[in-house]
Amino acid sequence: MTETGWDVIVVGAGSAGAALAVRSAEKGKRVLLLEAGPDYRSAQMHQAWRSPNPIRALLDPTATENLVWMGLDAARTEKQAPAPYWRGRGVGGSSSINGQIAIRPPMEDFDDWVSWGCLGWGPDDVLPYFAKLEDDEEYGDEAYHGRGGPTPIYRMPQENWGSVDAALCRAALSAGHAWAADVNAPHAMGVSPYPINSRSGRRVSVNDAYLEAARESSTLTIRGDALVDQVIFSGSRAVGVRIIVDGTVVTEHADDVVLSAGAVHSPAILMRSGIGPSGHLRSLGIEVRQDLPVGRGLQDHPMAVVSIPLIDEAGIQSPDDRHTNVCVRYTSEPGAPAGDMMFVSQNQNVVAMANPDMRALAGAFGVWVNQAYSRGVLTLTSADPADQPQIHSRMLSDERDLSRLRDGIRDLVELARDPAVAAITHGPLEAENRALFSVLDSDSELDDHLLATVSDVQHATSTCRMGATGNADTVVDPSCRVLGVDRLRVVDASIFPSVPRANTNLTAIMVGELMADRIR
């Protein structure tokens, strides 16, 4: 160790933090990786989380009790009460509990990042790191892909798709959407098989992909059940962190401190450390170190669904049947951002997930706003690190999101009326979707329905936004350094300027890979 302790402390062993810690240790830095949840070896992971279908684990209290943050709620819109917001806890973070979707954003996202002041984050900058992190078994030899990286990329063969997957594919092709065999290819648009981070039908988290092979490293130390309260400073310089371990306060020092605790907990740590909106911090008795818009840019993808009551032979036949294999990335209208909307198949939908006798057989089509404009807010409920922050997602508060979801759900209904869907449907769609169908013809009533029922897809981002230093929305600069203090960075999905036009896991890993090369 250096005179100050460690070379680098990384807080959070999730998608970005695991990649950053391992790659930094490979460069010879002495790294302490702290994780609030349990540290466990890959072989010890609850087997329900290995399943291709995460719903199996979410219905098993023994699987969720240690690996999901409990007591964390979010109000999706102002018309909804707070409800659980699933985030991963323990090594692997949310990569241990998510839907195993290994999809990249379109490279146009990163042109946007540069235009917002994130210099060094353009398509040519990030693409090599997307390739580095992956082992794409089908397209790994393409110039824009990778082979031999830590994260396996698998696509379910069409003969093994679920009935809802196949029906969405046929309906979307019939409606004029193109076929795009590789959704991760630059500029891909249309109907695609979902790439999945699994091998031999089993989930591969960042704990498996990065940490497991690095556990014998002399330069990496992983410590679980270590809840970080706040960053500690000497003057304006971050010099370490204060940790709660078994009720005892422990302090660790380092030359550099990196928060990779995710879009919910990285901003919470910053605010407890006195970095955040000054009025909010003072209201909780926290001394203000730096007045920054921490927590003020929260985004997620708002999703609406059309339920499909399935005939018996079309439903989930095994709890390990994959819940989704097909997506349709499309552009809402001429002149709109490319791929600003997404249709998804659900061989088993969220209604069935909560219903013990399931008509396990209930499927769905979903549509989400892939490029969102609405911004929510995350605030502390107290200065106690054991108390979860409060989330108001404020989905659909921007009219651009509401109008596109309104059009998207109407388009989705038309897809659900395709003959390919009728062949697998038990009874009329109208009976299963009575509330939705009763308001389809009225913009105002449909808007009310969407505000009351819209869900997110647990793609939280943008609570510590990266941007130009002179921008009022910026929390970290393009080197991920927190403005106004020294030797403190944030490296995770909270720095994304906006939620990507894709599931967030691969982009978070990419950020960890890229920043491991940039932090000197």
Protein backbone atom coordinates (compact mmCIF):
# COMPACT_ATOMS: atom_id res chain seq x y z
CA MET A 1 0.00 0.00 0.00
CA THR A 2 0.94 3.64 -0.38
CA GLU A 3 1.46 5.95 2.60
CA THR A 4 -2.23 6.85 2.44
CA GLY A 5 -3.44 3.24 2.33
CA TRP A 6 -4.67 1.95 -1.00
CA ASP A 7 -3.95 3.31 -4.46
CA VAL A 8 -7.64 3.18 -5.31
CA ILE A 9 -10.81 2.49 -3.35
CA VAL A 10 -13.72 1.46 -5.58
CA VAL A 11 -17.12 1.60 -3.88
CA GLY A 12 -19.54 -0.91 -5.41
CA ALA A 13 -18.88 -4.29 -7.05
CA GLY A 14 -21.53 -4.01 -9.75
CA SER A 15 -21.23 -3.78 -13.51
CA ALA A 16 -18.94 -0.74 -13.67
CA GLY A 17 -17.14 -1.20 -10.36
CA ALA A 18 -16.12 -4.82 -10.91
CA ALA A 19 -14.67 -4.06 -14.35
CA LEU A 20 -12.89 -0.93 -13.11
CA ALA A 21 -11.42 -2.65 -10.03
CA VAL A 22 -10.14 -5.70 -11.89
CA ARG A 23 -8.61 -3.76 -14.76
CA SER A 24 -7.00 -1.28 -12.36
CA ALA A 25 -5.51 -4.14 -10.32
CA GLU A 26 -4.16 -5.68 -13.53
CA LYS A 27 -2.23 -2.45 -14.07
CA GLY A 28 -0.50 -2.93 -10.72
CA LYS A 29 -2.63 -0.57 -8.62
CA ARG A 30 -3.49 -1.76 -5.12
CA VAL A 31 -7.27 -1.74 -5.19
CA LEU A 32 -9.78 -2.10 -2.36
CA LEU A 33 -13.22 -3.00 -3.75
CA LEU A 34 -15.98 -2.37 -1.21
CA GLU A 35 -19.46 -3.86 -1.54
CA ALA A 36 -22.42 -3.12 0.74
CA GLY A 37 -23.91 -6.57 0.13
CA PRO A 38 -22.40 -10.02 0.50
CA ASP A 39 -19.16 -11.12 -1.11
CA TYR A 40 -19.49 -14.67 -2.40
CA ARG A 41 -17.80 -16.95 -4.89
CA SER A 42 -19.49 -17.75 -8.18
CA ALA A 43 -20.23 -21.32 -7.09
CA GLN A 44 -22.15 -19.98 -4.08
CA MET A 45 -24.68 -17.96 -6.08
CA HIS A 46 -28.29 -18.97 -5.47
CA GLN A 47 -29.11 -21.25 -8.38
CA ALA A 48 -32.43 -19.56 -9.09
CA TRP A 49 -30.47 -16.52 -10.32
CA ARG A 50 -28.62 -18.70 -12.85
CA SER A 51 -31.91 -19.47 -14.60
CA PRO A 52 -32.54 -17.94 -18.05
CA ASN A 53 -35.76 -16.59 -16.50
CA PRO A 54 -35.17 -14.12 -13.61
CA ILE A 55 -38.83 -14.35 -12.63
CA ARG A 56 -37.98 -17.71 -11.05
CA ALA A 57 -35.67 -16.01 -8.56
CA LEU A 58 -37.88 -12.98 -7.99
CA LEU A 59 -40.65 -15.32 -6.79
CA ASP A 60 -38.27 -17.08 -4.35
CA PRO A 61 -37.74 -15.16 -1.07
CA THR A 62 -34.60 -17.18 -0.34
CA ALA A 63 -33.06 -15.89 -3.56
CA THR A 64 -33.90 -12.22 -3.04
CA GLU A 65 -33.23 -11.73 0.66
CA ASN A 66 -29.51 -10.92 0.31
CA LEU A 67 -29.11 -9.91 -3.33
CA VAL A 68 -31.87 -7.30 -3.69
CA TRP A 69 -31.98 -3.97 -1.86
CA MET A 70 -35.03 -4.09 0.38
CA GLY A 71 -37.01 -0.99 1.31
CA LEU A 72 -36.08 0.87 -1.88
CA ASP A 73 -39.21 2.28 -3.54
CA ALA A 74 -39.93 4.59 -6.45
CA ALA A 75 -42.99 6.57 -7.48
CA ARG A 76 -43.00 6.16 -11.26
CA THR A 77 -45.33 9.10 -11.94
CA GLU A 78 -47.16 11.65 -9.83
CA LYS A 79 -50.30 9.50 -10.24
CA GLN A 80 -48.67 6.40 -8.71
CA ALA A 81 -47.80 5.45 -5.15
CA PRO A 82 -44.23 4.32 -4.43
CA ALA A 83 -43.57 0.66 -5.21
CA PRO A 84 -40.45 -1.56 -4.98
CA TYR A 85 -37.56 -0.64 -7.26
CA TRP A 86 -35.35 -3.67 -7.86
CA ARG A 87 -31.60 -3.05 -7.56
CA GLY A 88 -28.89 -5.64 -7.10
CA ARG A 89 -26.96 -5.96 -3.85
CA GLY A 90 -23.78 -7.99 -3.37
CA VAL A 91 -20.90 -8.71 -5.73
CA GLY A 92 -22.18 -8.50 -9.28
CA GLY A 93 -24.67 -5.76 -8.38
CA SER A 94 -27.66 -5.61 -10.68
CA SER A 95 -25.89 -7.85 -13.23
CA SER A 96 -26.73 -10.68 -10.79
CA ILE A 97 -30.50 -10.06 -10.83
CA ASN A 98 -31.33 -8.40 -14.15
CA GLY A 99 -32.85 -9.88 -17.31
CA GLN A 100 -29.44 -10.82 -18.76
CA ILE A 101 -29.90 -8.52 -21.74
CA ALA A 102 -26.54 -7.72 -23.39
CA ILE A 103 -27.63 -5.01 -25.80
CA ARG A 104 -25.59 -1.96 -26.78
CA PRO A 105 -27.04 1.47 -27.43
CA PRO A 106 -26.90 2.73 -31.01
CA MET A 107 -23.63 4.58 -31.52
CA GLU A 108 -25.65 7.75 -32.14
CA ASP A 109 -26.10 7.92 -28.36
CA PHE A 110 -22.42 8.73 -28.02
CA ASP A 111 -22.54 11.46 -30.66
CA ASP A 112 -25.12 13.00 -28.32
CA TRP A 113 -22.80 12.58 -25.34
CA VAL A 114 -20.09 14.53 -27.13
CA SER A 115 -22.54 17.27 -28.13
CA TRP A 116 -23.45 17.63 -24.44
CA GLY A 117 -19.82 18.25 -23.51
CA CYS A 118 -18.62 14.69 -22.82
CA LEU A 119 -15.46 14.94 -24.90
CA GLY A 120 -13.66 11.62 -25.31
CA TRP A 121 -16.92 9.62 -25.23
CA GLY A 122 -17.75 9.51 -28.95
CA PRO A 123 -18.48 6.34 -30.92
CA ASP A 124 -14.83 5.80 -31.85
CA ASP A 125 -13.84 6.17 -28.18
CA VAL A 126 -16.35 3.73 -26.69
CA LEU A 127 -16.63 1.06 -29.42
CA PRO A 128 -13.25 -0.58 -28.62
CA TYR A 129 -14.36 -1.03 -25.01
CA PHE A 130 -17.70 -2.57 -25.98
CA ALA A 131 -15.64 -5.02 -28.05
CA LYS A 132 -13.11 -5.60 -25.26
CA LEU A 133 -15.71 -6.61 -22.69
CA GLU A 134 -17.44 -9.23 -24.82
CA ASP A 135 -17.10 -12.75 -26.13
CA ASP A 136 -19.70 -12.78 -28.90
CA GLU A 137 -20.02 -16.37 -30.00
CA GLU A 138 -21.82 -15.53 -33.25
CA TYR A 139 -20.33 -12.23 -34.42
CA GLY A 140 -17.08 -12.05 -32.45
CA ASP A 141 -14.90 -11.84 -35.56
CA GLU A 142 -16.60 -8.70 -36.87
CA ALA A 143 -14.53 -5.53 -36.55
CA TYR A 144 -17.08 -3.93 -34.22
CA HIS A 145 -17.33 -6.97 -31.93
CA GLY A 146 -15.06 -8.89 -29.60
CA ARG A 147 -14.08 -12.47 -28.98
CA GLY A 148 -12.49 -13.79 -25.79
CA GLY A 149 -13.58 -10.97 -23.47
CA PRO A 150 -15.08 -11.56 -20.01
CA THR A 151 -18.78 -11.23 -20.92
CA PRO A 152 -20.32 -13.98 -23.09
CA ILE A 153 -22.85 -12.85 -25.71
CA TYR A 154 -25.39 -15.49 -26.73
CA ARG A 155 -28.53 -15.37 -28.87
CA MET A 156 -31.28 -17.93 -28.45
CA PRO A 157 -31.86 -19.88 -31.71
CA GLN A 158 -35.26 -19.18 -33.19
CA GLU A 159 -36.38 -22.78 -32.78
CA ASN A 160 -36.05 -22.27 -29.02
CA TRP A 161 -37.93 -18.99 -28.82
CA GLY A 162 -41.14 -18.74 -26.84
CA SER A 163 -44.46 -18.39 -28.57
CA VAL A 164 -44.71 -14.68 -27.78
CA ASP A 165 -41.20 -14.09 -29.16
CA ALA A 166 -42.16 -15.73 -32.44
CA ALA A 167 -45.50 -13.92 -32.62
CA LEU A 168 -43.91 -10.48 -32.08
CA CYS A 169 -41.29 -11.23 -34.72
CA ARG A 170 -43.88 -12.26 -37.32
CA ALA A 171 -46.25 -9.40 -36.49
CA ALA A 172 -43.50 -6.77 -36.63
CA LEU A 173 -42.12 -8.08 -39.93
CA SER A 174 -45.64 -8.07 -41.37
CA ALA A 175 -46.04 -4.46 -40.22
CA GLY A 176 -42.97 -3.47 -42.22
CA HIS A 177 -40.16 -3.55 -39.66
CA ALA A 178 -36.86 -4.83 -41.05
CA TRP A 179 -34.97 -7.89 -39.80
CA ALA A 180 -31.70 -7.06 -37.98
CA ALA A 181 -29.90 -10.25 -37.00
CA ASP A 182 -27.40 -8.40 -34.80
CA VAL A 183 -28.94 -5.58 -32.79
CA ASN A 184 -25.43 -4.66 -31.56
CA ALA A 185 -24.18 -3.89 -35.06
CA PRO A 186 -23.76 -0.17 -35.74
CA HIS A 187 -27.01 1.42 -37.02
CA ALA A 188 -29.00 -1.81 -36.56
CA MET A 189 -32.73 -1.16 -36.55
CA GLY A 190 -35.74 -3.48 -36.63
CA VAL A 191 -36.58 -6.96 -35.35
CA SER A 192 -33.70 -8.66 -33.53
CA PRO A 193 -32.93 -11.57 -31.24
CA TYR A 194 -31.93 -10.25 -27.84
CA PRO A 195 -28.24 -10.85 -27.07
CA ILE A 196 -27.92 -12.47 -23.63
CA ASN A 197 -24.98 -12.53 -21.18
CA SER A 198 -25.13 -16.24 -20.51
CA ARG A 199 -23.13 -19.36 -21.25
CA SER A 200 -24.64 -22.84 -21.58
CA GLY A 201 -27.99 -21.43 -20.53
CA ARG A 202 -26.69 -19.95 -17.26
CA ARG A 203 -26.34 -16.31 -16.20
CA VAL A 204 -22.85 -14.81 -16.23
CA SER A 205 -22.69 -11.75 -13.95
CA VAL A 206 -19.71 -9.42 -13.59
CA ASN A 207 -18.87 -11.34 -10.43
CA ASP A 208 -18.43 -14.42 -12.63
CA ALA A 209 -16.92 -12.61 -15.61
CA TYR A 210 -14.47 -10.29 -13.83
CA LEU A 211 -14.07 -10.90 -10.11
CA GLU A 212 -13.89 -14.69 -9.92
CA ALA A 213 -10.72 -14.98 -12.00
CA ALA A 214 -9.10 -12.04 -10.18
CA ARG A 215 -9.60 -13.25 -6.62
CA GLU A 216 -6.05 -14.56 -6.29
CA SER A 217 -4.60 -11.24 -7.42
CA SER A 218 -2.13 -9.71 -4.97
CA THR A 219 -3.30 -6.23 -5.95
CA LEU A 220 -7.08 -6.66 -5.50
CA THR A 221 -8.88 -6.97 -2.17
CA ILE A 222 -12.67 -7.48 -2.14
CA ARG A 223 -14.58 -6.72 1.04
CA GLY A 224 -18.28 -7.44 1.32
CA ASP A 225 -20.89 -6.32 3.88
CA ALA A 226 -19.14 -2.94 3.94
CA LEU A 227 -21.70 -0.13 3.78
CA VAL A 228 -20.04 3.14 2.80
CA ASP A 229 -21.44 6.05 4.76
CA GLN A 230 -19.49 8.87 3.17
CA VAL A 231 -16.29 10.04 1.55
CA ILE A 232 -13.76 11.66 3.90
CA PHE A 233 -11.69 14.68 2.91
CA SER A 234 -8.57 16.58 3.80
CA GLY A 235 -9.36 20.09 2.65
CA SER A 236 -10.83 19.72 -0.86
CA ARG A 237 -9.17 16.35 -1.50
CA ALA A 238 -10.89 13.00 -1.03
CA VAL A 239 -8.62 10.79 1.05
CA GLY A 240 -10.80 7.79 1.85
CA VAL A 241 -14.19 6.52 2.96
CA ARG A 242 -16.03 5.87 6.19
CA ILE A 243 -17.57 2.40 6.29
CA ILE A 244 -20.07 0.63 8.55
CA VAL A 245 -19.05 -3.00 9.14
CA ASP A 246 -21.15 -5.02 11.62
CA GLY A 247 -22.25 -1.79 13.26
CA THR A 248 -18.68 -0.55 13.67
CA VAL A 249 -17.28 2.52 11.93
CA VAL A 250 -14.13 1.76 9.91
CA THR A 251 -12.05 4.22 7.89
CA GLU A 252 -10.00 3.33 4.79
CA HIS A 253 -7.64 5.73 3.00
CA ALA A 254 -6.55 5.86 -0.63
CA ASP A 255 -4.90 8.09 -3.20
CA ASP A 256 -8.08 7.97 -5.31
CA VAL A 257 -11.70 7.25 -4.41
CA VAL A 258 -14.17 6.04 -7.06
CA LEU A 259 -17.89 5.67 -6.42
CA SER A 260 -19.38 2.86 -8.51
CA ALA A 261 -22.37 2.14 -6.29
CA GLY A 262 -24.91 2.68 -9.07
CA ALA A 263 -27.41 5.35 -10.03
CA VAL A 264 -29.22 5.06 -6.69
CA HIS A 265 -26.44 4.71 -4.14
CA SER A 266 -23.57 6.72 -5.66
CA PRO A 267 -25.60 9.95 -5.43
CA ALA A 268 -26.70 9.00 -1.92
CA ILE A 269 -23.05 8.66 -0.81
CA LEU A 270 -22.17 11.98 -2.44
CA MET A 271 -25.00 13.76 -0.67
CA ARG A 272 -24.13 12.25 2.71
CA SER A 273 -20.59 13.54 2.02
CA GLY A 274 -21.86 17.10 1.60
CA ILE A 275 -21.94 17.13 -2.21
CA GLY A 276 -25.36 17.84 -3.63
CA PRO A 277 -28.15 20.43 -3.75
CA SER A 278 -27.37 22.80 -0.89
CA GLY A 279 -30.96 23.37 0.25
CA HIS A 280 -31.70 19.66 0.43
CA LEU A 281 -28.51 18.90 2.32
CA ARG A 282 -29.07 21.68 4.87
CA SER A 283 -32.61 20.43 5.48
CA LEU A 284 -31.06 17.18 6.71
CA GLY A 285 -28.36 18.84 8.77
CA ILE A 286 -25.57 17.91 6.34
CA GLU A 287 -22.77 20.45 5.97
CA VAL A 288 -22.50 21.54 2.33
CA ARG A 289 -19.10 20.91 0.77
CA GLN A 290 -20.09 21.45 -2.86
CA ASP A 291 -23.45 22.60 -4.27
CA LEU A 292 -24.08 20.31 -7.25
CA PRO A 293 -27.26 18.89 -8.87
CA VAL A 294 -26.71 15.37 -7.52
CA GLY A 295 -29.82 13.20 -7.90
CA ARG A 296 -31.52 15.74 -10.15
CA GLY A 297 -31.35 14.04 -13.56
CA LEU A 298 -32.77 10.56 -12.90
CA GLN A 299 -34.04 8.67 -15.94
CA ASP A 300 -35.43 5.23 -16.75
CA HIS A 301 -37.35 3.74 -19.66
CA PRO A 302 -41.15 4.04 -19.25
CA MET A 303 -42.96 0.91 -20.47
CA ALA A 304 -46.59 0.04 -21.22
CA VAL A 305 -47.90 -3.44 -22.05
CA VAL A 306 -50.64 -5.26 -23.88
CA SER A 307 -51.42 -8.51 -22.06
CA ILE A 308 -51.85 -11.64 -24.16
CA PRO A 309 -53.83 -14.49 -22.56
CA LEU A 310 -52.12 -17.56 -23.98
CA ILE A 311 -53.48 -20.94 -24.92
CA ASP A 312 -52.00 -23.68 -22.74
CA GLU A 313 -49.48 -24.95 -25.26
CA ALA A 314 -48.17 -21.41 -25.90
CA GLY A 315 -47.36 -20.55 -22.30
CA ILE A 316 -44.26 -21.00 -20.19
CA GLN A 317 -43.80 -24.76 -19.83
CA SER A 318 -40.87 -24.65 -17.40
CA PRO A 319 -39.79 -22.03 -14.84
CA ASP A 320 -36.49 -21.93 -16.72
CA ASP A 321 -38.05 -21.02 -20.06
CA ARG A 322 -36.57 -17.71 -21.19
CA HIS A 323 -38.88 -14.76 -20.48
CA THR A 324 -37.88 -12.73 -23.58
CA ASN A 325 -35.79 -13.24 -26.71
CA VAL A 326 -36.98 -10.61 -29.19
CA CYS A 327 -36.92 -6.82 -29.41
CA VAL A 328 -37.89 -4.34 -32.12
CA ARG A 329 -35.90 -1.10 -32.10
CA TYR A 330 -37.66 1.51 -34.24
CA THR A 331 -37.87 5.24 -34.89
CA SER A 332 -41.14 6.87 -33.89
CA GLU A 333 -41.41 9.27 -36.86
CA PRO A 334 -39.27 10.91 -39.53
CA GLY A 335 -36.79 13.28 -37.93
CA ALA A 336 -36.99 11.64 -34.51
CA PRO A 337 -33.80 10.25 -32.91
CA ALA A 338 -32.92 6.90 -34.46
CA GLY A 339 -34.29 3.98 -32.46
CA ASP A 340 -36.12 6.19 -29.96
CA MET A 341 -38.71 3.44 -29.30
CA MET A 342 -38.63 -0.28 -28.54
CA PHE A 343 -41.09 -3.17 -28.66
CA VAL A 344 -40.29 -6.25 -26.55
CA SER A 345 -41.73 -9.71 -26.21
CA GLN A 346 -42.71 -11.13 -22.84
CA ASN A 347 -43.28 -14.87 -22.79
CA GLN A 348 -44.25 -14.32 -19.17
CA ASN A 349 -45.43 -10.89 -18.11
CA VAL A 350 -45.32 -8.91 -14.91
CA VAL A 351 -48.96 -9.67 -14.10
CA ALA A 352 -48.25 -13.39 -14.20
CA MET A 353 -45.16 -12.85 -12.08
CA ALA A 354 -47.27 -11.64 -9.18
CA ASN A 355 -49.97 -14.28 -9.57
CA PRO A 356 -49.19 -17.50 -7.73
CA ASP A 357 -51.56 -19.74 -9.65
CA MET A 358 -50.32 -17.95 -12.74
CA ARG A 359 -52.27 -18.28 -15.58
CA ALA A 360 -48.41 -18.70 -15.89
CA LEU A 361 -49.51 -18.73 -19.24
CA ALA A 362 -50.06 -14.99 -19.51
CA GLY A 363 -47.75 -13.28 -21.98
CA ALA A 364 -47.45 -9.71 -23.18
CA PHE A 365 -46.05 -7.30 -25.71
CA GLY A 366 -44.33 -4.27 -24.23
CA VAL A 367 -43.37 -0.90 -25.65
CA TRP A 368 -40.98 1.55 -24.03
CA VAL A 369 -39.67 5.02 -24.77
CA ASN A 370 -36.08 4.24 -25.65
CA GLN A 371 -34.83 7.83 -25.66
CA ALA A 372 -36.48 9.51 -22.71
CA TYR A 373 -36.61 13.23 -21.98
CA SER A 374 -38.42 13.23 -18.63
CA ARG A 375 -36.21 13.70 -15.58
CA GLY A 376 -36.85 12.51 -12.06
CA VAL A 377 -35.24 13.21 -8.73
CA LEU A 378 -33.54 11.14 -6.05
CA THR A 379 -33.27 12.59 -2.54
CA LEU A 380 -32.10 11.42 0.84
CA THR A 381 -34.65 10.62 3.53
CA SER A 382 -32.03 11.12 6.24
CA ALA A 383 -28.27 11.27 6.74
CA ASP A 384 -28.31 7.65 7.98
CA PRO A 385 -26.68 5.31 5.42
CA ALA A 386 -29.06 2.53 6.46
CA ASP A 387 -32.05 4.54 5.19
CA GLN A 388 -32.87 4.16 1.51
CA PRO A 389 -33.17 7.28 -0.65
CA GLN A 390 -36.48 8.42 -2.06
CA ILE A 391 -37.10 8.20 -5.80
CA HIS A 392 -39.61 10.20 -7.81
CA SER A 393 -39.08 9.03 -11.39
CA ARG A 394 -41.50 11.59 -12.90
CA MET A 395 -41.92 9.41 -15.97
CA LEU A 396 -43.91 10.90 -18.84
CA SER A 397 -43.63 14.39 -17.28
CA ASP A 398 -42.15 15.56 -20.59
CA GLU A 399 -44.85 15.71 -23.26
CA ARG A 400 -42.45 14.22 -25.83
CA ASP A 401 -42.33 10.99 -23.84
CA LEU A 402 -46.04 10.88 -23.18
CA SER A 403 -47.01 11.45 -26.81
CA ARG A 404 -44.60 8.81 -28.11
CA LEU A 405 -45.78 6.22 -25.57
CA ARG A 406 -49.38 7.07 -26.50
CA ASP A 407 -48.60 6.37 -30.16
CA GLY A 408 -46.47 3.36 -29.22
CA ILE A 409 -49.19 1.59 -27.24
CA ARG A 410 -51.65 2.10 -30.10
CA ASP A 411 -49.12 0.60 -32.52
CA LEU A 412 -48.57 -2.24 -30.07
CA VAL A 413 -52.29 -3.00 -29.97
CA GLU A 414 -52.27 -3.31 -33.74
CA LEU A 415 -49.35 -5.76 -33.54
CA ALA A 416 -51.27 -7.74 -30.93
CA ARG A 417 -54.19 -8.03 -33.38
CA ASP A 418 -51.97 -9.72 -35.98
CA PRO A 419 -52.99 -13.28 -37.00
CA ALA A 420 -49.69 -14.59 -35.60
CA VAL A 421 -50.82 -13.46 -32.16
CA ALA A 422 -54.38 -14.64 -32.58
CA ALA A 423 -53.03 -18.17 -33.13
CA ILE A 424 -51.64 -18.28 -29.58
CA THR A 425 -54.31 -16.24 -27.79
CA HIS A 426 -56.93 -17.67 -25.45
CA GLY A 427 -60.04 -15.52 -25.61
CA PRO A 428 -60.38 -11.92 -26.78
CA LEU A 429 -57.61 -9.40 -26.16
CA GLU A 430 -60.24 -6.86 -25.14
CA ALA A 431 -61.21 -8.92 -22.08
CA GLU A 432 -57.62 -9.11 -20.84
CA ASN A 433 -56.95 -5.41 -21.54
CA ARG A 434 -60.33 -3.87 -20.78
CA ALA A 435 -59.03 -0.71 -19.10
CA LEU A 436 -56.58 0.01 -21.92
CA PHE A 437 -58.95 -0.73 -24.79
CA SER A 438 -61.67 1.46 -23.28
CA VAL A 439 -59.49 4.58 -23.61
CA LEU A 440 -57.58 3.93 -26.83
CA ASP A 441 -59.57 6.43 -28.87
CA SER A 442 -59.19 9.37 -26.47
CA ASP A 443 -55.80 11.05 -26.13
CA SER A 444 -56.57 12.56 -22.73
CA GLU A 445 -58.04 9.37 -21.25
CA LEU A 446 -55.23 7.28 -22.65
CA ASP A 447 -52.70 9.69 -21.15
CA ASP A 448 -54.36 9.33 -17.74
CA HIS A 449 -54.28 5.55 -18.10
CA LEU A 450 -50.59 5.56 -19.01
CA LEU A 451 -49.67 7.85 -16.12
CA ALA A 452 -51.54 5.55 -13.74
CA THR A 453 -50.10 2.27 -15.05
CA VAL A 454 -46.73 2.89 -16.71
CA SER A 455 -43.83 0.88 -15.31
CA ASP A 456 -40.08 1.24 -15.55
CA VAL A 457 -37.59 -1.46 -16.47
CA GLN A 458 -35.05 -0.79 -13.71
CA HIS A 459 -32.68 1.12 -15.99
CA ALA A 460 -31.83 3.93 -13.57
CA THR A 461 -29.25 6.43 -14.85
CA SER A 462 -28.13 10.04 -14.86
CA THR A 463 -28.22 11.01 -11.16
CA CYS A 464 -24.60 12.30 -11.31
CA ARG A 465 -24.55 13.52 -14.88
CA MET A 466 -21.34 13.93 -16.86
CA GLY A 467 -20.94 17.02 -19.00
CA ALA A 468 -19.08 20.22 -19.64
CA THR A 469 -17.85 21.88 -16.46
CA GLY A 470 -19.81 25.06 -17.13
CA ASN A 471 -23.13 23.27 -17.55
CA ALA A 472 -25.60 23.71 -14.69
CA ASP A 473 -26.61 20.02 -14.93
CA THR A 474 -23.06 18.65 -14.62
CA VAL A 475 -21.86 16.70 -11.57
CA VAL A 476 -18.74 15.07 -13.07
CA ASP A 477 -16.46 16.19 -15.89
CA PRO A 478 -15.57 13.99 -18.90
CA SER A 479 -12.85 12.34 -16.76
CA CYS A 480 -15.60 11.40 -14.25
CA ARG A 481 -14.10 13.76 -11.63
CA VAL A 482 -16.62 15.29 -9.23
CA LEU A 483 -16.60 19.05 -9.76
CA GLY A 484 -15.03 21.18 -7.04
CA VAL A 485 -13.15 18.43 -5.21
CA ASP A 486 -9.98 16.47 -5.91
CA ARG A 487 -9.30 12.74 -6.32
CA LEU A 488 -12.98 11.74 -6.26
CA ARG A 489 -14.71 10.19 -9.26
CA VAL A 490 -18.01 8.55 -10.07
CA VAL A 491 -17.87 5.67 -12.57
CA ASP A 492 -21.20 3.94 -13.15
CA ALA A 493 -24.59 4.47 -14.82
CA SER A 494 -25.26 7.56 -12.72
CA ILE A 495 -22.85 9.56 -14.94
CA PHE A 496 -24.70 8.80 -18.21
CA PRO A 497 -25.96 12.15 -19.56
CA SER A 498 -29.21 10.38 -20.44
CA VAL A 499 -30.58 6.86 -20.30
CA PRO A 500 -29.14 4.97 -23.31
CA ARG A 501 -31.35 3.67 -26.11
CA ALA A 502 -30.80 0.16 -24.73
CA ASN A 503 -30.72 -1.85 -21.53
CA THR A 504 -27.97 -0.37 -19.38
CA ASN A 505 -25.75 -3.27 -18.26
CA LEU A 506 -23.27 -3.37 -21.17
CA THR A 507 -22.86 0.41 -21.17
CA ALA A 508 -22.08 0.36 -17.44
CA ILE A 509 -19.43 -2.34 -17.95
CA MET A 510 -18.00 -0.34 -20.87
CA VAL A 511 -17.64 2.73 -18.64
CA GLY A 512 -15.69 0.70 -16.09
CA GLU A 513 -13.41 -0.73 -18.78
CA LEU A 514 -12.76 2.66 -20.39
CA MET A 515 -12.10 4.52 -17.15
CA ALA A 516 -9.63 1.88 -15.96
CA ASP A 517 -7.45 3.00 -18.86
CA ARG A 518 -7.98 6.72 -18.22
CA ILE A 519 -7.41 6.98 -14.47
CA ARG A 520 -3.67 7.47 -14.10
